[in-house]
Each structure stands twice: as C-alpha cells, then as structure tokens.
Amino acid sequence: MKLGEVIDIKVGMNLSRQKDKSNWQVYTNEDFANDLNGLAICKDSKYVCTNQLMAHTISEKDIIYNFITSEASLVGASNSGKTISQNFAKITFDNTKLDGAYLCFLLNEEEEVKRQKYVAMQGSVLKKLSPAIIKTFETKLPILDEQKVFWATFILIGYDDKRL
C-alpha cells in the first residue's frame, strides 16, 4: 500500500509573509530534536492562535515531518500550540488503520522506506523529500493492534539506546 492512502501532509506556513507574529511561538529544529528524543519538557505557556494560524498549529501527539532531517516525530506537550514553518509538515492519518508512533518508525527506521528515501534523493544536491514523494512510499501495514505491540517491543529492545 502507498502511504498516501492513509496519510495526508500539510506543509507549514511561510513565516516571512506573516505580519503580526507577536502572539505566537514557532516550532524550531531544537523543539523537533527534543520531541524526537523524548526530551520535551512541559511548560505552562499558552499561545494565541488566530483562524489563519490554526491550520499550521500543532498539538500534542501530532506527527511532524522535518524536511531538513527527513525524520518524523510525535509532538510533545511542551510544543502544543506552536506554529510550524515551511521546514516542517503536519502529517494527518487514519487512526483506525495506522498508529502515530508506528508511522514515525516507518518514516525513520523501517528498512524498505529508508531504501525508497535513498532512491528518491539519489542525484539530488538538496537532500529533501517532497510531500508527494513521501506519499508514494510503498509499505505493508500490519493491523493496528500489531503496530502498537511492535512499537512497544521496539522501544524495549533498544530504540532509546540507538538515539543516545
């Protein structure tokens, strides 16, 4: 199955064209790295979101794809309410067919998807995948319960050690 059958990708906003930026926080590469490594620290900050920003505002447990590093991560509680720039995309998916943590595993660690990423970036000076290319990645999805068990097992056998 192609990933595009179960996911949709919404690219972040062009921040340079936005006027009044005083009431909102921008999701940064440091925020992404903290979310990816499970280091996000919860803060009691509140952010103001206008209707224009809502489409680009992230919430806890959203899946964010980083175009710079070509990795995906679950958003931590401390980054909820922030706005994503064009360096990131929010991935929405059918949660009756796909678990968010398993989707991160697929995009970051699964060997067949890694191979497809490599082929897609081969010959490119700028190593960046477009949303259209990501949606064409072929994968076999186990049933939802198996995805959750797989992810829990993956964590137990050393995913955390690999990230250190």
N, C-alpha and C. Protein backbone atom coordinates (compact mmCIF):
# COMPACT_ATOMS: atom_id res chain seq x y z
N MET A 1 0.84 -1.17 0.00
CA MET A 1 0.00 0.00 0.00
C MET A 1 0.89 1.24 0.00
N LYS A 2 0.44 2.27 -0.69
CA LYS A 2 1.16 3.55 -0.68
C LYS A 2 0.77 4.32 0.57
N LEU A 3 1.74 5.01 1.17
CA LEU A 3 1.45 5.80 2.36
C LEU A 3 0.37 6.85 2.11
N GLY A 4 0.31 7.36 0.90
CA GLY A 4 -0.69 8.36 0.55
C GLY A 4 -2.13 7.89 0.71
N GLU A 5 -2.33 6.57 0.81
CA GLU A 5 -3.67 6.03 1.00
C GLU A 5 -4.15 6.21 2.43
N VAL A 6 -3.22 6.40 3.38
CA VAL A 6 -3.61 6.52 4.79
C VAL A 6 -3.11 7.80 5.46
N ILE A 7 -2.32 8.60 4.74
CA ILE A 7 -1.82 9.85 5.35
C ILE A 7 -2.10 11.04 4.44
N ASP A 8 -2.10 12.22 5.04
CA ASP A 8 -2.14 13.48 4.31
C ASP A 8 -1.07 14.37 4.93
N ILE A 9 -0.43 15.20 4.12
CA ILE A 9 0.68 16.03 4.60
C ILE A 9 0.36 17.49 4.35
N LYS A 10 0.39 18.28 5.42
CA LYS A 10 0.13 19.73 5.34
C LYS A 10 1.43 20.45 5.68
N VAL A 11 2.02 21.12 4.69
CA VAL A 11 3.29 21.83 4.87
C VAL A 11 3.05 23.09 5.69
N GLY A 12 4.05 23.44 6.52
CA GLY A 12 3.97 24.62 7.37
C GLY A 12 3.88 25.91 6.57
N MET A 13 3.68 27.00 7.28
CA MET A 13 3.47 28.29 6.62
C MET A 13 4.77 29.04 6.36
N ASN A 14 4.73 29.92 5.37
CA ASN A 14 5.85 30.79 5.06
C ASN A 14 5.83 31.93 6.07
N LEU A 15 6.71 31.88 7.04
CA LEU A 15 6.70 32.85 8.14
C LEU A 15 7.10 34.25 7.72
N SER A 16 7.89 34.37 6.66
CA SER A 16 8.35 35.70 6.25
C SER A 16 7.21 36.56 5.72
N ARG A 17 6.11 35.96 5.33
CA ARG A 17 4.97 36.72 4.79
C ARG A 17 3.93 37.07 5.84
N GLN A 18 4.15 36.63 7.06
CA GLN A 18 3.18 36.88 8.12
C GLN A 18 3.46 38.21 8.80
N LYS A 19 2.39 38.94 9.08
CA LYS A 19 2.54 40.23 9.75
C LYS A 19 2.60 39.99 11.25
N ASP A 20 1.70 40.35 12.02
CA ASP A 20 1.71 40.30 13.48
C ASP A 20 2.11 38.92 14.02
N LYS A 21 3.38 38.76 14.38
CA LYS A 21 3.90 37.49 14.90
C LYS A 21 4.07 37.51 16.41
N SER A 22 3.62 38.55 17.06
CA SER A 22 3.91 38.73 18.48
C SER A 22 3.18 37.75 19.41
N ASN A 23 2.05 37.21 18.99
CA ASN A 23 1.25 36.36 19.88
C ASN A 23 1.42 34.86 19.66
N TRP A 24 2.40 34.44 18.86
CA TRP A 24 2.54 33.01 18.65
C TRP A 24 3.99 32.57 18.66
N GLN A 25 4.18 31.31 18.99
CA GLN A 25 5.51 30.70 19.08
C GLN A 25 5.74 29.81 17.87
N VAL A 26 6.97 29.79 17.38
CA VAL A 26 7.32 28.99 16.22
C VAL A 26 8.02 27.72 16.67
N TYR A 27 7.64 26.60 16.07
CA TYR A 27 8.25 25.30 16.32
C TYR A 27 9.61 25.29 15.63
N THR A 28 10.68 24.99 16.37
CA THR A 28 12.04 25.07 15.85
C THR A 28 12.66 23.69 15.66
N ASN A 29 13.83 23.66 15.05
CA ASN A 29 14.56 22.40 14.92
C ASN A 29 14.94 21.85 16.28
N GLU A 30 15.22 22.72 17.24
CA GLU A 30 15.52 22.27 18.60
C GLU A 30 14.29 21.61 19.23
N ASP A 31 13.12 22.20 19.03
CA ASP A 31 11.88 21.59 19.52
C ASP A 31 11.69 20.21 18.90
N PHE A 32 11.94 20.11 17.58
CA PHE A 32 11.80 18.83 16.89
C PHE A 32 12.76 17.79 17.48
N ALA A 33 14.01 18.18 17.67
CA ALA A 33 15.00 17.25 18.23
C ALA A 33 14.59 16.78 19.62
N ASN A 34 14.07 17.69 20.44
CA ASN A 34 13.61 17.30 21.77
C ASN A 34 12.42 16.34 21.70
N ASP A 35 11.48 16.60 20.78
CA ASP A 35 10.35 15.69 20.62
C ASP A 35 10.82 14.33 20.12
N LEU A 36 11.73 14.33 19.17
CA LEU A 36 12.23 13.08 18.59
C LEU A 36 12.93 12.22 19.64
N ASN A 37 13.63 12.86 20.53
CA ASN A 37 14.37 12.13 21.56
C ASN A 37 13.62 12.00 22.87
N GLY A 38 12.37 12.43 22.90
CA GLY A 38 11.56 12.31 24.10
C GLY A 38 11.99 13.24 25.22
N LEU A 39 12.61 14.36 24.89
CA LEU A 39 13.15 15.26 25.91
C LEU A 39 12.31 16.50 26.14
N ALA A 40 11.17 16.61 25.48
CA ALA A 40 10.36 17.82 25.60
C ALA A 40 9.90 18.00 27.04
N ILE A 41 10.13 19.18 27.57
CA ILE A 41 9.75 19.50 28.94
C ILE A 41 8.45 20.30 28.90
N CYS A 42 7.49 19.89 29.69
CA CYS A 42 6.19 20.55 29.69
C CYS A 42 6.29 21.91 30.36
N LYS A 43 5.79 22.93 29.69
CA LYS A 43 5.73 24.28 30.23
C LYS A 43 4.26 24.68 30.28
N ASP A 44 3.93 25.60 31.15
CA ASP A 44 2.55 26.04 31.27
C ASP A 44 2.26 27.26 30.39
N SER A 45 2.94 27.39 29.28
CA SER A 45 2.73 28.53 28.39
C SER A 45 1.45 28.35 27.60
N LYS A 46 0.80 29.45 27.33
CA LYS A 46 -0.40 29.45 26.49
C LYS A 46 -0.10 30.31 25.28
N TYR A 47 -0.52 29.84 24.11
CA TYR A 47 -0.29 30.57 22.88
C TYR A 47 -1.61 30.99 22.28
N VAL A 48 -1.63 32.14 21.64
CA VAL A 48 -2.83 32.64 20.99
C VAL A 48 -2.82 32.19 19.54
N CYS A 49 -3.92 31.58 19.09
CA CYS A 49 -4.00 31.10 17.71
C CYS A 49 -5.17 31.75 17.00
N THR A 50 -4.90 32.46 15.93
CA THR A 50 -5.97 33.02 15.11
C THR A 50 -6.42 31.94 14.13
N ASN A 51 -7.53 32.17 13.44
CA ASN A 51 -8.02 31.19 12.47
C ASN A 51 -6.99 30.92 11.38
N GLN A 52 -6.25 31.95 10.98
CA GLN A 52 -5.24 31.79 9.93
C GLN A 52 -4.14 30.83 10.38
N LEU A 53 -3.80 30.85 11.66
CA LEU A 53 -2.72 30.01 12.16
C LEU A 53 -3.16 28.59 12.50
N MET A 54 -4.46 28.38 12.70
CA MET A 54 -4.94 27.08 13.17
C MET A 54 -4.49 25.92 12.28
N ALA A 55 -4.48 26.12 10.97
CA ALA A 55 -4.08 25.05 10.06
C ALA A 55 -2.62 24.66 10.23
N HIS A 56 -1.82 25.56 10.77
CA HIS A 56 -0.39 25.33 10.94
C HIS A 56 0.01 25.20 12.40
N THR A 57 -0.97 25.10 13.28
CA THR A 57 -0.71 24.97 14.71
C THR A 57 -0.69 23.49 15.07
N ILE A 58 0.27 23.11 15.90
CA ILE A 58 0.42 21.70 16.26
C ILE A 58 -0.08 21.44 17.67
N SER A 59 -0.47 20.20 17.90
CA SER A 59 -0.95 19.77 19.21
C SER A 59 -0.15 18.56 19.66
N GLU A 60 -0.22 18.27 20.95
CA GLU A 60 0.46 17.10 21.49
C GLU A 60 0.01 15.86 20.72
N LYS A 61 0.97 15.01 20.40
CA LYS A 61 0.79 13.74 19.70
C LYS A 61 0.52 13.88 18.20
N ASP A 62 0.57 15.12 17.65
CA ASP A 62 0.56 15.27 16.20
C ASP A 62 1.86 14.67 15.67
N ILE A 63 1.85 14.28 14.41
CA ILE A 63 3.07 13.80 13.76
C ILE A 63 3.62 14.94 12.91
N ILE A 64 4.89 15.28 13.15
CA ILE A 64 5.56 16.34 12.40
C ILE A 64 6.70 15.73 11.60
N TYR A 65 6.79 16.11 10.33
CA TYR A 65 7.88 15.67 9.48
C TYR A 65 8.82 16.85 9.27
N ASN A 66 10.11 16.61 9.50
CA ASN A 66 11.14 17.63 9.36
C ASN A 66 11.79 17.46 7.99
N PHE A 67 11.62 18.43 7.11
CA PHE A 67 12.19 18.33 5.76
C PHE A 67 13.70 18.47 5.77
N ILE A 68 14.28 19.07 6.78
CA ILE A 68 15.73 19.24 6.86
C ILE A 68 16.41 17.92 7.18
N THR A 69 15.87 17.18 8.15
CA THR A 69 16.48 15.91 8.57
C THR A 69 15.81 14.69 7.96
N SER A 70 14.68 14.87 7.28
CA SER A 70 13.89 13.77 6.72
C SER A 70 13.48 12.76 7.79
N GLU A 71 13.04 13.27 8.94
CA GLU A 71 12.58 12.43 10.04
C GLU A 71 11.21 12.89 10.51
N ALA A 72 10.51 11.97 11.18
CA ALA A 72 9.19 12.28 11.74
C ALA A 72 9.23 12.11 13.25
N SER A 73 8.38 12.86 13.95
CA SER A 73 8.32 12.76 15.41
C SER A 73 6.92 13.08 15.90
N LEU A 74 6.59 12.51 17.06
CA LEU A 74 5.37 12.89 17.77
C LEU A 74 5.65 14.19 18.51
N VAL A 75 4.70 15.11 18.51
CA VAL A 75 4.86 16.39 19.20
C VAL A 75 4.65 16.17 20.70
N GLY A 76 5.55 16.73 21.50
CA GLY A 76 5.44 16.66 22.95
C GLY A 76 4.51 17.74 23.49
N ALA A 77 4.08 17.58 24.73
CA ALA A 77 3.14 18.52 25.36
C ALA A 77 3.69 19.94 25.40
N SER A 78 4.99 20.10 25.58
CA SER A 78 5.57 21.44 25.70
C SER A 78 5.53 22.22 24.39
N ASN A 79 5.31 21.54 23.27
CA ASN A 79 5.28 22.21 21.98
C ASN A 79 3.87 22.39 21.42
N SER A 80 2.89 21.96 22.17
CA SER A 80 1.50 22.12 21.75
C SER A 80 1.16 23.61 21.62
N GLY A 81 0.52 23.97 20.53
CA GLY A 81 0.14 25.37 20.31
C GLY A 81 1.12 26.16 19.48
N LYS A 82 2.26 25.58 19.15
CA LYS A 82 3.25 26.29 18.34
C LYS A 82 2.87 26.19 16.86
N THR A 83 3.46 27.07 16.07
CA THR A 83 3.20 27.14 14.64
C THR A 83 4.38 26.57 13.88
N ILE A 84 4.11 25.76 12.86
CA ILE A 84 5.20 25.17 12.07
C ILE A 84 5.49 26.03 10.85
N SER A 85 6.78 26.10 10.52
CA SER A 85 7.23 26.82 9.34
C SER A 85 7.29 25.85 8.16
N GLN A 86 7.77 26.33 7.03
CA GLN A 86 7.88 25.50 5.84
C GLN A 86 8.94 24.41 5.96
N ASN A 87 9.74 24.43 7.01
CA ASN A 87 10.72 23.37 7.22
C ASN A 87 10.06 22.10 7.75
N PHE A 88 8.79 22.21 8.14
CA PHE A 88 8.07 21.09 8.74
C PHE A 88 6.74 20.87 8.03
N ALA A 89 6.18 19.69 8.24
CA ALA A 89 4.83 19.39 7.76
C ALA A 89 4.11 18.60 8.84
N LYS A 90 2.82 18.84 8.95
CA LYS A 90 1.98 18.07 9.87
C LYS A 90 1.38 16.92 9.06
N ILE A 91 1.55 15.71 9.58
CA ILE A 91 1.00 14.53 8.91
C ILE A 91 -0.26 14.11 9.63
N THR A 92 -1.36 14.08 8.91
CA THR A 92 -2.60 13.55 9.46
C THR A 92 -2.82 12.17 8.85
N PHE A 93 -3.52 11.32 9.59
CA PHE A 93 -3.66 9.95 9.13
C PHE A 93 -4.94 9.33 9.67
N ASP A 94 -5.32 8.23 9.08
CA ASP A 94 -6.49 7.47 9.50
C ASP A 94 -6.07 6.63 10.70
N ASN A 95 -6.48 7.05 11.91
CA ASN A 95 -6.03 6.33 13.11
C ASN A 95 -6.75 5.01 13.34
N THR A 96 -7.63 4.62 12.43
CA THR A 96 -8.21 3.27 12.50
C THR A 96 -7.34 2.27 11.75
N LYS A 97 -6.40 2.78 10.95
CA LYS A 97 -5.52 1.92 10.18
C LYS A 97 -4.05 2.07 10.54
N LEU A 98 -3.71 3.18 11.21
CA LEU A 98 -2.30 3.49 11.44
C LEU A 98 -2.11 4.13 12.81
N ASP A 99 -1.10 3.65 13.55
CA ASP A 99 -0.73 4.21 14.84
C ASP A 99 0.34 5.28 14.61
N GLY A 100 0.24 6.41 15.30
CA GLY A 100 1.18 7.52 15.10
C GLY A 100 2.62 7.15 15.38
N ALA A 101 2.86 6.44 16.47
CA ALA A 101 4.23 6.04 16.81
C ALA A 101 4.78 5.08 15.75
N TYR A 102 3.93 4.20 15.24
CA TYR A 102 4.36 3.27 14.20
C TYR A 102 4.69 4.03 12.91
N LEU A 103 3.91 5.08 12.61
CA LEU A 103 4.20 5.90 11.43
C LEU A 103 5.58 6.54 11.56
N CYS A 104 5.91 7.03 12.75
CA CYS A 104 7.26 7.59 12.98
C CYS A 104 8.32 6.53 12.74
N PHE A 105 8.08 5.32 13.24
CA PHE A 105 9.02 4.23 13.00
C PHE A 105 9.18 3.99 11.50
N LEU A 106 8.06 3.92 10.78
CA LEU A 106 8.13 3.67 9.33
C LEU A 106 9.00 4.72 8.63
N LEU A 107 8.74 5.98 8.94
CA LEU A 107 9.45 7.06 8.24
C LEU A 107 10.90 7.23 8.69
N ASN A 108 11.23 6.79 9.90
CA ASN A 108 12.58 6.99 10.43
C ASN A 108 13.47 5.75 10.37
N GLU A 109 12.89 4.57 10.56
CA GLU A 109 13.71 3.39 10.80
C GLU A 109 13.47 2.20 9.86
N GLU A 110 12.30 2.08 9.28
CA GLU A 110 11.96 0.89 8.51
C GLU A 110 12.84 0.80 7.26
N GLU A 111 13.46 -0.35 7.05
CA GLU A 111 14.49 -0.51 6.01
C GLU A 111 13.97 -0.26 4.60
N GLU A 112 12.79 -0.75 4.26
CA GLU A 112 12.27 -0.56 2.91
C GLU A 112 11.97 0.92 2.64
N VAL A 113 11.45 1.62 3.62
CA VAL A 113 11.19 3.06 3.45
C VAL A 113 12.52 3.82 3.37
N LYS A 114 13.51 3.41 4.16
CA LYS A 114 14.84 4.03 4.06
C LYS A 114 15.41 3.88 2.65
N ARG A 115 15.23 2.69 2.07
CA ARG A 115 15.71 2.45 0.72
C ARG A 115 14.99 3.37 -0.28
N GLN A 116 13.68 3.50 -0.12
CA GLN A 116 12.91 4.36 -1.01
C GLN A 116 13.31 5.83 -0.85
N LYS A 117 13.62 6.24 0.38
CA LYS A 117 14.11 7.61 0.61
C LYS A 117 15.43 7.82 -0.13
N TYR A 118 16.32 6.85 0.01
CA TYR A 118 17.64 6.95 -0.62
C TYR A 118 17.50 7.07 -2.13
N VAL A 119 16.66 6.23 -2.72
CA VAL A 119 16.44 6.27 -4.17
C VAL A 119 15.85 7.61 -4.59
N ALA A 120 14.89 8.12 -3.82
CA ALA A 120 14.24 9.39 -4.16
C ALA A 120 15.22 10.57 -4.08
N MET A 121 16.19 10.49 -3.18
CA MET A 121 17.14 11.60 -3.01
C MET A 121 18.40 11.43 -3.85
N GLN A 122 18.55 10.28 -4.49
CA GLN A 122 19.75 9.99 -5.27
C GLN A 122 19.91 11.01 -6.39
N GLY A 123 21.07 11.58 -6.50
CA GLY A 123 21.37 12.55 -7.54
C GLY A 123 20.93 13.97 -7.22
N SER A 124 20.29 14.15 -6.09
CA SER A 124 19.84 15.50 -5.70
C SER A 124 20.93 16.21 -4.93
N VAL A 125 21.12 17.47 -5.23
CA VAL A 125 22.06 18.29 -4.47
C VAL A 125 21.44 18.61 -3.12
N LEU A 126 20.17 19.00 -3.13
CA LEU A 126 19.44 19.30 -1.91
C LEU A 126 18.68 18.04 -1.51
N LYS A 127 19.10 17.41 -0.43
CA LYS A 127 18.51 16.15 0.02
C LYS A 127 17.21 16.42 0.78
N LYS A 128 16.14 16.64 0.03
CA LYS A 128 14.86 16.97 0.63
C LYS A 128 13.76 16.22 -0.10
N LEU A 129 12.87 15.61 0.66
CA LEU A 129 11.75 14.88 0.07
C LEU A 129 10.50 15.76 0.07
N SER A 130 9.78 15.72 -1.02
CA SER A 130 8.53 16.48 -1.09
C SER A 130 7.39 15.64 -0.50
N PRO A 131 6.30 16.28 -0.09
CA PRO A 131 5.15 15.52 0.39
C PRO A 131 4.65 14.50 -0.64
N ALA A 132 4.67 14.88 -1.92
CA ALA A 132 4.21 13.97 -2.97
C ALA A 132 5.06 12.70 -3.02
N ILE A 133 6.36 12.84 -2.85
CA ILE A 133 7.25 11.67 -2.86
C ILE A 133 7.00 10.79 -1.65
N ILE A 134 6.84 11.41 -0.48
CA ILE A 134 6.59 10.64 0.75
C ILE A 134 5.32 9.81 0.60
N LYS A 135 4.30 10.39 -0.02
CA LYS A 135 3.03 9.68 -0.20
C LYS A 135 3.15 8.48 -1.14
N THR A 136 4.18 8.45 -1.98
CA THR A 136 4.34 7.32 -2.90
C THR A 136 5.08 6.14 -2.28
N PHE A 137 5.64 6.31 -1.09
CA PHE A 137 6.37 5.21 -0.47
C PHE A 137 5.46 4.01 -0.27
N GLU A 138 5.95 2.85 -0.67
CA GLU A 138 5.21 1.59 -0.53
C GLU A 138 5.57 0.94 0.79
N THR A 139 4.57 0.42 1.48
CA THR A 139 4.81 -0.29 2.73
C THR A 139 3.68 -1.28 2.98
N LYS A 140 3.96 -2.25 3.81
CA LYS A 140 2.93 -3.19 4.25
C LYS A 140 2.56 -2.83 5.68
N LEU A 141 1.30 -2.51 5.89
CA LEU A 141 0.86 -2.13 7.23
C LEU A 141 0.24 -3.32 7.95
N PRO A 142 0.81 -3.69 9.10
CA PRO A 142 0.14 -4.71 9.91
C PRO A 142 -1.14 -4.11 10.50
N ILE A 143 -2.01 -4.95 11.06
CA ILE A 143 -3.22 -4.42 11.68
C ILE A 143 -2.82 -3.52 12.85
N LEU A 144 -3.73 -2.65 13.26
CA LEU A 144 -3.44 -1.62 14.26
C LEU A 144 -2.90 -2.20 15.57
N ASP A 145 -3.49 -3.27 16.07
CA ASP A 145 -3.02 -3.87 17.33
C ASP A 145 -1.58 -4.35 17.20
N GLU A 146 -1.23 -4.93 16.06
CA GLU A 146 0.15 -5.39 15.84
C GLU A 146 1.12 -4.21 15.76
N GLN A 147 0.67 -3.10 15.19
CA GLN A 147 1.52 -1.90 15.13
C GLN A 147 1.87 -1.43 16.54
N LYS A 148 0.88 -1.41 17.42
CA LYS A 148 1.10 -0.95 18.80
C LYS A 148 2.03 -1.90 19.55
N VAL A 149 1.85 -3.21 19.37
CA VAL A 149 2.72 -4.19 20.02
C VAL A 149 4.14 -4.06 19.47
N PHE A 150 4.26 -3.91 18.16
CA PHE A 150 5.57 -3.77 17.53
C PHE A 150 6.30 -2.57 18.10
N TRP A 151 5.61 -1.43 18.19
CA TRP A 151 6.24 -0.22 18.70
C TRP A 151 6.71 -0.39 20.13
N ALA A 152 5.87 -0.99 20.97
CA ALA A 152 6.25 -1.21 22.38
C ALA A 152 7.48 -2.11 22.46
N THR A 153 7.53 -3.14 21.63
CA THR A 153 8.68 -4.05 21.60
C THR A 153 9.92 -3.33 21.10
N PHE A 154 9.77 -2.51 20.09
CA PHE A 154 10.88 -1.76 19.52
C PHE A 154 11.51 -0.86 20.58
N ILE A 155 10.68 -0.21 21.39
CA ILE A 155 11.17 0.64 22.48
C ILE A 155 11.95 -0.20 23.49
N LEU A 156 11.40 -1.36 23.84
CA LEU A 156 12.04 -2.20 24.86
C LEU A 156 13.39 -2.75 24.42
N ILE A 157 13.56 -3.04 23.13
CA ILE A 157 14.81 -3.69 22.70
C ILE A 157 15.91 -2.72 22.30
N GLY A 158 15.69 -1.44 22.49
CA GLY A 158 16.85 -0.58 22.28
C GLY A 158 16.71 0.61 21.40
N TYR A 159 15.52 0.99 21.01
CA TYR A 159 15.38 2.22 20.22
C TYR A 159 15.99 3.39 20.97
N ASP A 160 15.75 3.45 22.29
CA ASP A 160 16.31 4.54 23.09
C ASP A 160 17.83 4.52 23.08
N ASP A 161 18.43 3.32 23.12
CA ASP A 161 19.89 3.22 23.08
C ASP A 161 20.43 3.73 21.75
N LYS A 162 19.69 3.47 20.67
CA LYS A 162 20.13 3.89 19.35
C LYS A 162 20.16 5.42 19.25
N ARG A 163 19.25 6.09 19.93
CA ARG A 163 19.15 7.54 19.86
C ARG A 163 20.19 8.25 20.70
N LEU A 164 20.85 7.57 21.64
CA LEU A 164 21.82 8.23 22.52
C LEU A 164 23.09 8.59 21.82
